[in-house]
N, C-alpha and C. Protein backbone atom coordinates (compact mmCIF):
# COMPACT_ATOMS: atom_id res chain seq x y z
N MET A 1 -48.09 20.85 14.56
CA MET A 1 -46.68 20.57 14.70
C MET A 1 -46.47 19.06 14.63
N ASP A 2 -45.54 18.67 13.77
CA ASP A 2 -45.26 17.25 13.55
C ASP A 2 -44.10 16.81 14.44
N LEU A 3 -44.37 15.98 15.39
CA LEU A 3 -43.33 15.45 16.29
C LEU A 3 -43.12 13.98 15.96
N ARG A 4 -41.93 13.67 15.59
CA ARG A 4 -41.60 12.28 15.27
C ARG A 4 -40.50 11.80 16.21
N ALA A 5 -40.61 10.59 16.59
CA ALA A 5 -39.57 10.00 17.44
C ALA A 5 -38.46 9.46 16.55
N VAL A 6 -37.28 9.74 16.95
CA VAL A 6 -36.12 9.22 16.23
C VAL A 6 -35.36 8.31 17.17
N GLU A 7 -35.15 7.10 16.74
CA GLU A 7 -34.39 6.16 17.56
C GLU A 7 -32.92 6.28 17.22
N ILE A 8 -32.14 6.50 18.23
CA ILE A 8 -30.70 6.59 18.05
C ILE A 8 -30.09 5.28 18.52
N THR A 9 -29.40 4.64 17.62
CA THR A 9 -28.74 3.39 18.00
C THR A 9 -27.25 3.59 17.93
N GLU A 10 -26.58 2.96 18.84
CA GLU A 10 -25.13 3.04 18.87
C GLU A 10 -24.57 1.97 17.95
N ILE A 11 -23.73 2.39 17.05
CA ILE A 11 -23.09 1.44 16.14
C ILE A 11 -21.71 1.15 16.69
N GLU A 12 -21.47 -0.10 16.93
CA GLU A 12 -20.17 -0.48 17.46
C GLU A 12 -19.22 -0.74 16.31
N THR A 13 -18.12 -0.02 16.30
CA THR A 13 -17.13 -0.24 15.26
C THR A 13 -16.02 -1.11 15.83
N PRO A 14 -15.57 -2.06 15.04
CA PRO A 14 -14.51 -2.93 15.56
C PRO A 14 -13.21 -2.16 15.74
N LEU A 15 -12.47 -2.54 16.74
CA LEU A 15 -11.17 -1.94 16.94
C LEU A 15 -10.26 -2.32 15.79
N GLU A 16 -9.37 -1.42 15.45
CA GLU A 16 -8.43 -1.69 14.36
C GLU A 16 -7.69 -3.00 14.66
N GLU A 17 -7.14 -3.08 15.82
CA GLU A 17 -6.49 -4.30 16.29
C GLU A 17 -6.30 -4.13 17.78
N THR A 18 -6.64 -5.14 18.52
CA THR A 18 -6.46 -5.08 19.95
C THR A 18 -4.99 -5.31 20.26
N ILE A 19 -4.41 -4.38 21.00
CA ILE A 19 -3.02 -4.52 21.40
C ILE A 19 -3.00 -5.19 22.77
N SER A 20 -2.40 -6.35 22.85
CA SER A 20 -2.34 -7.09 24.10
C SER A 20 -1.23 -6.56 25.00
N LEU A 21 -1.20 -7.02 26.21
CA LEU A 21 -0.17 -6.62 27.17
C LEU A 21 1.22 -7.00 26.66
N ASN A 22 1.39 -8.25 26.21
CA ASN A 22 2.70 -8.70 25.71
C ASN A 22 3.10 -7.93 24.45
N HIS A 23 2.15 -7.68 23.58
CA HIS A 23 2.41 -6.92 22.36
C HIS A 23 2.90 -5.51 22.70
N SER A 24 2.24 -4.88 23.62
CA SER A 24 2.62 -3.53 24.04
C SER A 24 4.01 -3.52 24.66
N ARG A 25 4.27 -4.50 25.51
CA ARG A 25 5.58 -4.59 26.16
C ARG A 25 6.69 -4.81 25.12
N LEU A 26 6.45 -5.67 24.15
CA LEU A 26 7.47 -5.93 23.13
C LEU A 26 7.70 -4.71 22.23
N THR A 27 6.66 -3.98 21.92
CA THR A 27 6.83 -2.75 21.13
C THR A 27 7.74 -1.78 21.89
N TYR A 28 7.50 -1.65 23.17
CA TYR A 28 8.33 -0.78 24.02
C TYR A 28 9.77 -1.30 24.08
N ARG A 29 9.95 -2.59 24.37
CA ARG A 29 11.29 -3.17 24.48
C ARG A 29 12.05 -3.02 23.16
N LEU A 30 11.39 -3.30 22.04
CA LEU A 30 12.04 -3.14 20.74
C LEU A 30 12.47 -1.70 20.51
N SER A 31 11.61 -0.76 20.85
CA SER A 31 11.96 0.66 20.68
C SER A 31 13.19 1.02 21.48
N ILE A 32 13.27 0.51 22.70
CA ILE A 32 14.44 0.77 23.55
C ILE A 32 15.70 0.15 22.93
N LEU A 33 15.62 -1.12 22.56
CA LEU A 33 16.79 -1.80 22.00
C LEU A 33 17.21 -1.20 20.66
N LEU A 34 16.25 -0.80 19.85
CA LEU A 34 16.58 -0.23 18.54
C LEU A 34 17.08 1.21 18.64
N SER A 35 16.87 1.85 19.77
CA SER A 35 17.35 3.23 19.93
C SER A 35 18.88 3.31 19.85
N ALA A 36 19.57 2.20 20.04
CA ALA A 36 21.02 2.17 19.89
C ALA A 36 21.44 2.47 18.45
N TYR A 37 20.50 2.37 17.51
CA TYR A 37 20.78 2.60 16.09
C TYR A 37 20.21 3.93 15.60
N ASP A 38 19.87 4.80 16.53
CA ASP A 38 19.20 6.06 16.20
C ASP A 38 20.05 6.98 15.32
N ASP A 39 21.35 6.86 15.37
CA ASP A 39 22.19 7.73 14.54
C ASP A 39 22.15 7.33 13.06
N LYS A 40 21.74 6.09 12.76
CA LYS A 40 21.72 5.60 11.39
C LYS A 40 20.31 5.41 10.83
N PHE A 41 19.35 5.11 11.73
CA PHE A 41 18.00 4.77 11.30
C PHE A 41 16.96 5.57 12.08
N ASP A 42 15.79 5.72 11.45
CA ASP A 42 14.62 6.21 12.16
C ASP A 42 13.73 5.02 12.44
N ILE A 43 13.41 4.84 13.70
CA ILE A 43 12.57 3.74 14.17
C ILE A 43 11.17 4.30 14.34
N MET A 44 10.21 3.82 13.55
CA MET A 44 8.89 4.41 13.48
C MET A 44 7.81 3.40 13.89
N PRO A 45 7.31 3.49 15.12
CA PRO A 45 6.22 2.59 15.53
C PRO A 45 4.88 3.00 14.90
N GLU A 46 4.13 2.01 14.46
CA GLU A 46 2.73 2.19 14.03
C GLU A 46 2.54 3.22 12.92
N LEU A 47 3.50 3.35 12.01
CA LEU A 47 3.38 4.30 10.90
C LEU A 47 2.54 3.69 9.78
N GLU A 48 1.51 4.42 9.36
CA GLU A 48 0.67 3.99 8.24
C GLU A 48 1.47 4.11 6.95
N LEU A 49 1.48 3.04 6.16
CA LEU A 49 2.21 3.02 4.89
C LEU A 49 1.23 2.85 3.73
N GLU A 50 1.46 3.59 2.69
CA GLU A 50 0.73 3.44 1.42
C GLU A 50 1.77 3.03 0.40
N LEU A 51 2.00 1.73 0.28
CA LEU A 51 3.06 1.21 -0.56
C LEU A 51 2.52 0.85 -1.95
N SER A 52 3.40 0.57 -2.86
CA SER A 52 2.98 0.28 -4.24
C SER A 52 2.08 -0.95 -4.33
N ASN A 53 2.21 -1.89 -3.38
CA ASN A 53 1.38 -3.09 -3.41
C ASN A 53 0.31 -3.14 -2.34
N GLY A 54 0.05 -2.02 -1.68
CA GLY A 54 -1.04 -1.98 -0.71
C GLY A 54 -0.71 -1.20 0.54
N ARG A 55 -1.74 -1.05 1.37
CA ARG A 55 -1.59 -0.36 2.65
C ARG A 55 -1.18 -1.34 3.73
N ALA A 56 -0.39 -0.82 4.66
CA ALA A 56 0.04 -1.64 5.79
C ALA A 56 0.42 -0.74 6.95
N LYS A 57 0.43 -1.31 8.13
CA LYS A 57 0.88 -0.58 9.31
C LYS A 57 1.69 -1.54 10.18
N PRO A 58 2.99 -1.65 9.89
CA PRO A 58 3.82 -2.53 10.72
C PRO A 58 3.85 -2.01 12.16
N ASP A 59 4.12 -2.90 13.08
CA ASP A 59 4.27 -2.47 14.47
C ASP A 59 5.44 -1.51 14.59
N ILE A 60 6.52 -1.80 13.88
CA ILE A 60 7.68 -0.90 13.82
C ILE A 60 8.25 -0.96 12.40
N SER A 61 8.56 0.22 11.86
CA SER A 61 9.23 0.32 10.56
C SER A 61 10.60 0.93 10.79
N ILE A 62 11.58 0.43 10.07
CA ILE A 62 12.94 0.96 10.17
C ILE A 62 13.30 1.60 8.83
N PHE A 63 13.64 2.89 8.88
CA PHE A 63 14.01 3.66 7.70
C PHE A 63 15.43 4.18 7.86
N GLN A 64 16.12 4.35 6.73
CA GLN A 64 17.35 5.13 6.75
C GLN A 64 16.93 6.50 7.27
N ASN A 65 17.82 7.22 7.96
CA ASN A 65 17.42 8.50 8.54
C ASN A 65 16.65 9.35 7.54
N LEU A 66 15.51 9.85 7.99
CA LEU A 66 14.61 10.66 7.16
C LEU A 66 14.82 12.14 7.45
N VAL A 67 14.34 12.97 6.54
CA VAL A 67 14.31 14.41 6.75
C VAL A 67 12.89 14.76 7.14
N PHE A 68 12.72 15.43 8.28
CA PHE A 68 11.39 15.75 8.78
C PHE A 68 11.06 17.21 8.56
N ASN A 69 9.82 17.48 8.19
CA ASN A 69 9.28 18.83 8.11
C ASN A 69 8.22 18.92 9.20
N TRP A 70 8.55 19.58 10.30
CA TRP A 70 7.64 19.62 11.45
C TRP A 70 6.41 20.48 11.20
N GLU A 71 6.42 21.27 10.12
CA GLU A 71 5.27 22.12 9.80
C GLU A 71 4.27 21.42 8.88
N GLU A 72 4.67 20.31 8.30
CA GLU A 72 3.78 19.58 7.39
C GLU A 72 3.91 18.09 7.68
N ASP A 73 2.82 17.47 8.06
CA ASP A 73 2.85 16.06 8.44
C ASP A 73 2.34 15.19 7.29
N ILE A 74 2.62 13.91 7.37
CA ILE A 74 2.20 12.94 6.37
C ILE A 74 1.38 11.86 7.07
N ILE A 75 0.18 11.60 6.58
CA ILE A 75 -0.70 10.59 7.20
C ILE A 75 -0.30 9.18 6.78
N ARG A 76 -0.08 8.96 5.51
CA ARG A 76 0.36 7.65 5.01
C ARG A 76 1.65 7.84 4.23
N TYR A 77 2.71 7.27 4.75
CA TYR A 77 4.03 7.41 4.14
C TYR A 77 4.14 6.46 2.95
N THR A 78 4.69 6.93 1.84
CA THR A 78 4.67 6.14 0.61
C THR A 78 5.99 5.44 0.28
N GLU A 79 7.05 5.74 1.01
CA GLU A 79 8.32 5.06 0.77
C GLU A 79 8.40 3.79 1.62
N PRO A 80 8.89 2.70 1.06
CA PRO A 80 8.98 1.47 1.86
C PRO A 80 10.10 1.58 2.91
N PRO A 81 9.87 1.01 4.08
CA PRO A 81 10.96 0.95 5.06
C PRO A 81 11.98 -0.09 4.61
N ILE A 82 13.15 -0.04 5.22
CA ILE A 82 14.13 -1.10 4.97
C ILE A 82 13.61 -2.39 5.59
N THR A 83 13.11 -2.26 6.82
CA THR A 83 12.63 -3.41 7.58
C THR A 83 11.25 -3.12 8.15
N ALA A 84 10.37 -4.11 8.07
CA ALA A 84 9.04 -4.03 8.69
C ALA A 84 8.99 -5.09 9.79
N ILE A 85 8.58 -4.67 10.98
CA ILE A 85 8.52 -5.58 12.13
C ILE A 85 7.06 -5.76 12.54
N GLU A 86 6.66 -7.01 12.63
CA GLU A 86 5.31 -7.36 13.08
C GLU A 86 5.41 -8.20 14.35
N ILE A 87 4.55 -7.89 15.30
CA ILE A 87 4.46 -8.67 16.53
C ILE A 87 3.14 -9.43 16.46
N LEU A 88 3.21 -10.73 16.51
CA LEU A 88 2.01 -11.56 16.43
C LEU A 88 1.16 -11.37 17.68
N SER A 89 -0.07 -10.92 17.47
CA SER A 89 -1.01 -10.71 18.57
C SER A 89 -1.91 -11.92 18.70
N PRO A 90 -2.53 -12.11 19.87
CA PRO A 90 -3.43 -13.24 20.05
C PRO A 90 -4.61 -13.22 19.07
N THR A 91 -4.97 -12.04 18.56
CA THR A 91 -6.11 -11.93 17.65
C THR A 91 -5.72 -12.01 16.17
N GLN A 92 -4.44 -12.19 15.86
CA GLN A 92 -3.98 -12.22 14.48
C GLN A 92 -3.70 -13.64 14.03
N ALA A 93 -3.90 -13.86 12.75
CA ALA A 93 -3.52 -15.13 12.14
C ALA A 93 -2.10 -15.02 11.61
N TYR A 94 -1.29 -16.00 11.89
CA TYR A 94 0.08 -16.03 11.41
C TYR A 94 0.13 -15.91 9.88
N ASP A 95 -0.77 -16.62 9.21
CA ASP A 95 -0.80 -16.59 7.74
C ASP A 95 -1.09 -15.19 7.21
N ALA A 96 -1.86 -14.40 7.93
CA ALA A 96 -2.13 -13.02 7.51
C ALA A 96 -0.85 -12.20 7.52
N LEU A 97 -0.01 -12.40 8.53
CA LEU A 97 1.25 -11.66 8.60
C LEU A 97 2.22 -12.11 7.51
N THR A 98 2.35 -13.41 7.30
CA THR A 98 3.26 -13.87 6.24
C THR A 98 2.75 -13.43 4.87
N GLY A 99 1.45 -13.40 4.68
CA GLY A 99 0.87 -12.91 3.43
C GLY A 99 1.18 -11.44 3.21
N LYS A 100 1.09 -10.65 4.28
CA LYS A 100 1.40 -9.22 4.18
C LYS A 100 2.87 -9.03 3.80
N ILE A 101 3.72 -9.84 4.38
CA ILE A 101 5.16 -9.75 4.07
C ILE A 101 5.42 -10.08 2.60
N ARG A 102 4.84 -11.17 2.13
CA ARG A 102 5.13 -11.64 0.78
C ARG A 102 4.35 -10.91 -0.32
N LYS A 103 3.16 -10.39 0.01
CA LYS A 103 2.33 -9.76 -1.01
C LYS A 103 2.39 -8.24 -1.01
N ILE A 104 2.74 -7.64 0.12
CA ILE A 104 2.78 -6.17 0.20
C ILE A 104 4.20 -5.68 0.43
N TYR A 105 4.85 -6.15 1.49
CA TYR A 105 6.16 -5.60 1.85
C TYR A 105 7.23 -5.86 0.79
N PHE A 106 7.51 -7.11 0.50
CA PHE A 106 8.61 -7.41 -0.42
C PHE A 106 8.38 -6.88 -1.83
N PRO A 107 7.20 -7.05 -2.44
CA PRO A 107 7.01 -6.48 -3.78
C PRO A 107 7.10 -4.95 -3.80
N SER A 108 6.92 -4.31 -2.65
CA SER A 108 7.00 -2.84 -2.57
C SER A 108 8.41 -2.34 -2.27
N GLY A 109 9.36 -3.25 -2.03
CA GLY A 109 10.75 -2.84 -1.84
C GLY A 109 11.31 -2.97 -0.44
N VAL A 110 10.56 -3.53 0.50
CA VAL A 110 11.07 -3.78 1.84
C VAL A 110 12.15 -4.85 1.75
N LYS A 111 13.26 -4.66 2.46
CA LYS A 111 14.43 -5.56 2.34
C LYS A 111 14.42 -6.71 3.34
N SER A 112 13.74 -6.55 4.48
CA SER A 112 13.62 -7.63 5.46
C SER A 112 12.37 -7.39 6.29
N ALA A 113 11.86 -8.47 6.85
CA ALA A 113 10.69 -8.38 7.73
C ALA A 113 10.88 -9.35 8.88
N TRP A 114 10.41 -8.92 10.04
CA TRP A 114 10.48 -9.77 11.23
C TRP A 114 9.07 -10.07 11.69
N ILE A 115 8.85 -11.28 12.14
CA ILE A 115 7.65 -11.60 12.91
C ILE A 115 8.14 -12.04 14.28
N ILE A 116 7.66 -11.35 15.28
CA ILE A 116 8.01 -11.70 16.65
C ILE A 116 6.82 -12.43 17.25
N MET A 117 7.10 -13.62 17.78
CA MET A 117 6.06 -14.48 18.35
C MET A 117 6.26 -14.56 19.86
N PRO A 118 5.54 -13.74 20.61
CA PRO A 118 5.76 -13.65 22.06
C PRO A 118 5.58 -14.97 22.81
N SER A 119 4.56 -15.75 22.46
CA SER A 119 4.25 -16.95 23.25
C SER A 119 5.35 -18.00 23.20
N VAL A 120 6.16 -17.99 22.15
CA VAL A 120 7.26 -18.95 22.04
C VAL A 120 8.62 -18.25 22.03
N ARG A 121 8.61 -16.95 22.36
CA ARG A 121 9.84 -16.14 22.45
C ARG A 121 10.75 -16.35 21.23
N THR A 122 10.17 -16.17 20.07
CA THR A 122 10.87 -16.40 18.82
C THR A 122 10.78 -15.19 17.91
N LEU A 123 11.85 -14.92 17.20
CA LEU A 123 11.88 -13.92 16.14
C LEU A 123 12.14 -14.65 14.84
N GLN A 124 11.30 -14.41 13.84
CA GLN A 124 11.50 -14.98 12.52
C GLN A 124 11.95 -13.87 11.58
N LEU A 125 13.00 -14.11 10.86
CA LEU A 125 13.53 -13.17 9.89
C LEU A 125 13.15 -13.66 8.49
N PHE A 126 12.43 -12.81 7.76
CA PHE A 126 12.03 -13.10 6.38
C PHE A 126 12.85 -12.21 5.46
N LEU A 127 13.33 -12.80 4.37
CA LEU A 127 14.07 -12.07 3.36
C LEU A 127 13.38 -12.27 2.01
N PRO A 128 13.55 -11.33 1.08
CA PRO A 128 12.84 -11.41 -0.21
C PRO A 128 13.12 -12.68 -1.02
N ASP A 129 14.22 -13.37 -0.76
CA ASP A 129 14.51 -14.60 -1.51
C ASP A 129 13.71 -15.80 -0.98
N ASN A 130 12.70 -15.53 -0.15
CA ASN A 130 11.82 -16.54 0.46
C ASN A 130 12.48 -17.32 1.58
N SER A 131 13.66 -16.92 2.02
CA SER A 131 14.27 -17.61 3.15
C SER A 131 13.68 -17.08 4.45
N VAL A 132 13.60 -17.99 5.41
CA VAL A 132 13.10 -17.65 6.74
C VAL A 132 14.06 -18.26 7.75
N GLN A 133 14.50 -17.44 8.71
CA GLN A 133 15.37 -17.92 9.77
C GLN A 133 14.68 -17.71 11.10
N TYR A 134 14.90 -18.64 12.03
CA TYR A 134 14.26 -18.61 13.34
C TYR A 134 15.32 -18.35 14.41
N PHE A 135 15.00 -17.45 15.34
CA PHE A 135 15.93 -17.12 16.41
C PHE A 135 15.19 -17.17 17.74
N THR A 136 15.78 -17.88 18.71
CA THR A 136 15.23 -17.92 20.06
C THR A 136 16.38 -17.82 21.06
N GLU A 137 16.18 -17.01 22.09
CA GLU A 137 17.12 -16.92 23.21
C GLU A 137 18.58 -16.79 22.77
N THR A 138 18.83 -16.00 21.76
CA THR A 138 20.18 -15.88 21.23
C THR A 138 20.38 -14.48 20.67
N ASP A 139 21.55 -14.23 20.13
CA ASP A 139 21.78 -12.97 19.43
C ASP A 139 21.24 -13.11 18.01
N PHE A 140 20.75 -12.01 17.50
CA PHE A 140 20.13 -11.97 16.18
C PHE A 140 20.74 -10.82 15.41
N LYS A 141 20.94 -11.01 14.10
CA LYS A 141 21.44 -9.92 13.26
C LYS A 141 20.69 -9.93 11.93
N ASP A 142 20.18 -8.76 11.55
CA ASP A 142 19.45 -8.60 10.30
C ASP A 142 20.44 -8.19 9.21
N PRO A 143 20.61 -8.98 8.15
CA PRO A 143 21.59 -8.63 7.11
C PRO A 143 21.21 -7.39 6.30
N ALA A 144 19.94 -7.01 6.30
CA ALA A 144 19.52 -5.83 5.53
C ALA A 144 19.96 -4.52 6.19
N THR A 145 20.11 -4.53 7.51
CA THR A 145 20.44 -3.31 8.25
C THR A 145 21.68 -3.44 9.12
N ASP A 146 22.13 -4.66 9.35
CA ASP A 146 23.18 -4.97 10.32
C ASP A 146 22.75 -4.66 11.75
N ILE A 147 21.45 -4.55 11.97
CA ILE A 147 20.94 -4.36 13.33
C ILE A 147 21.02 -5.70 14.05
N GLY A 148 21.59 -5.67 15.24
CA GLY A 148 21.69 -6.86 16.07
C GLY A 148 20.91 -6.67 17.36
N LEU A 149 20.30 -7.74 17.83
CA LEU A 149 19.55 -7.72 19.09
C LEU A 149 19.90 -8.95 19.91
N ASN A 150 19.90 -8.78 21.20
CA ASN A 150 19.99 -9.90 22.11
C ASN A 150 18.57 -10.26 22.50
N LEU A 151 18.10 -11.43 22.06
CA LEU A 151 16.70 -11.79 22.29
C LEU A 151 16.39 -12.04 23.75
N LYS A 152 17.38 -12.38 24.56
CA LYS A 152 17.13 -12.49 26.01
C LYS A 152 16.73 -11.14 26.58
N MET A 153 17.34 -10.07 26.07
CA MET A 153 16.98 -8.71 26.52
C MET A 153 15.59 -8.33 26.03
N LEU A 154 15.24 -8.76 24.82
CA LEU A 154 13.92 -8.44 24.27
C LEU A 154 12.83 -9.10 25.08
N PHE A 155 13.01 -10.34 25.45
CA PHE A 155 11.96 -11.11 26.13
C PHE A 155 12.12 -11.13 27.65
N LYS A 156 12.94 -10.24 28.21
CA LYS A 156 13.14 -10.27 29.67
C LYS A 156 11.91 -9.85 30.43
């Protein structure tokens, strides 16, 4: 009888992305504030997207109201959202997020993108014409959706 020893080693796989405490809190706060627009939009946290210019998973995607089939699910949604929202995490590079906006989101048909920067309590609005607007401690309105937020409520 041939007995051989087999060594089993644990392979550590990197986490997709570490979600920090502030990131988690902002995702929750955004979901609450955006629920005021539930009659017009579907607010989709962490939805995997397979867009024409690449894969992405925004922290929150905003779609015109969708039709759902509860008997058949979709793993990677192929239609672009109107708005893609990214929350800058301590482990992310800012340039990676702006690159995703300009190379994946906008060429695929996304109409606006937000980067929320928790450490400086700032929301940046990106539009396909390459304009960027900065909002801190004020009211904010996205021209692509007419969604408005009070940033003091977001960062409370």
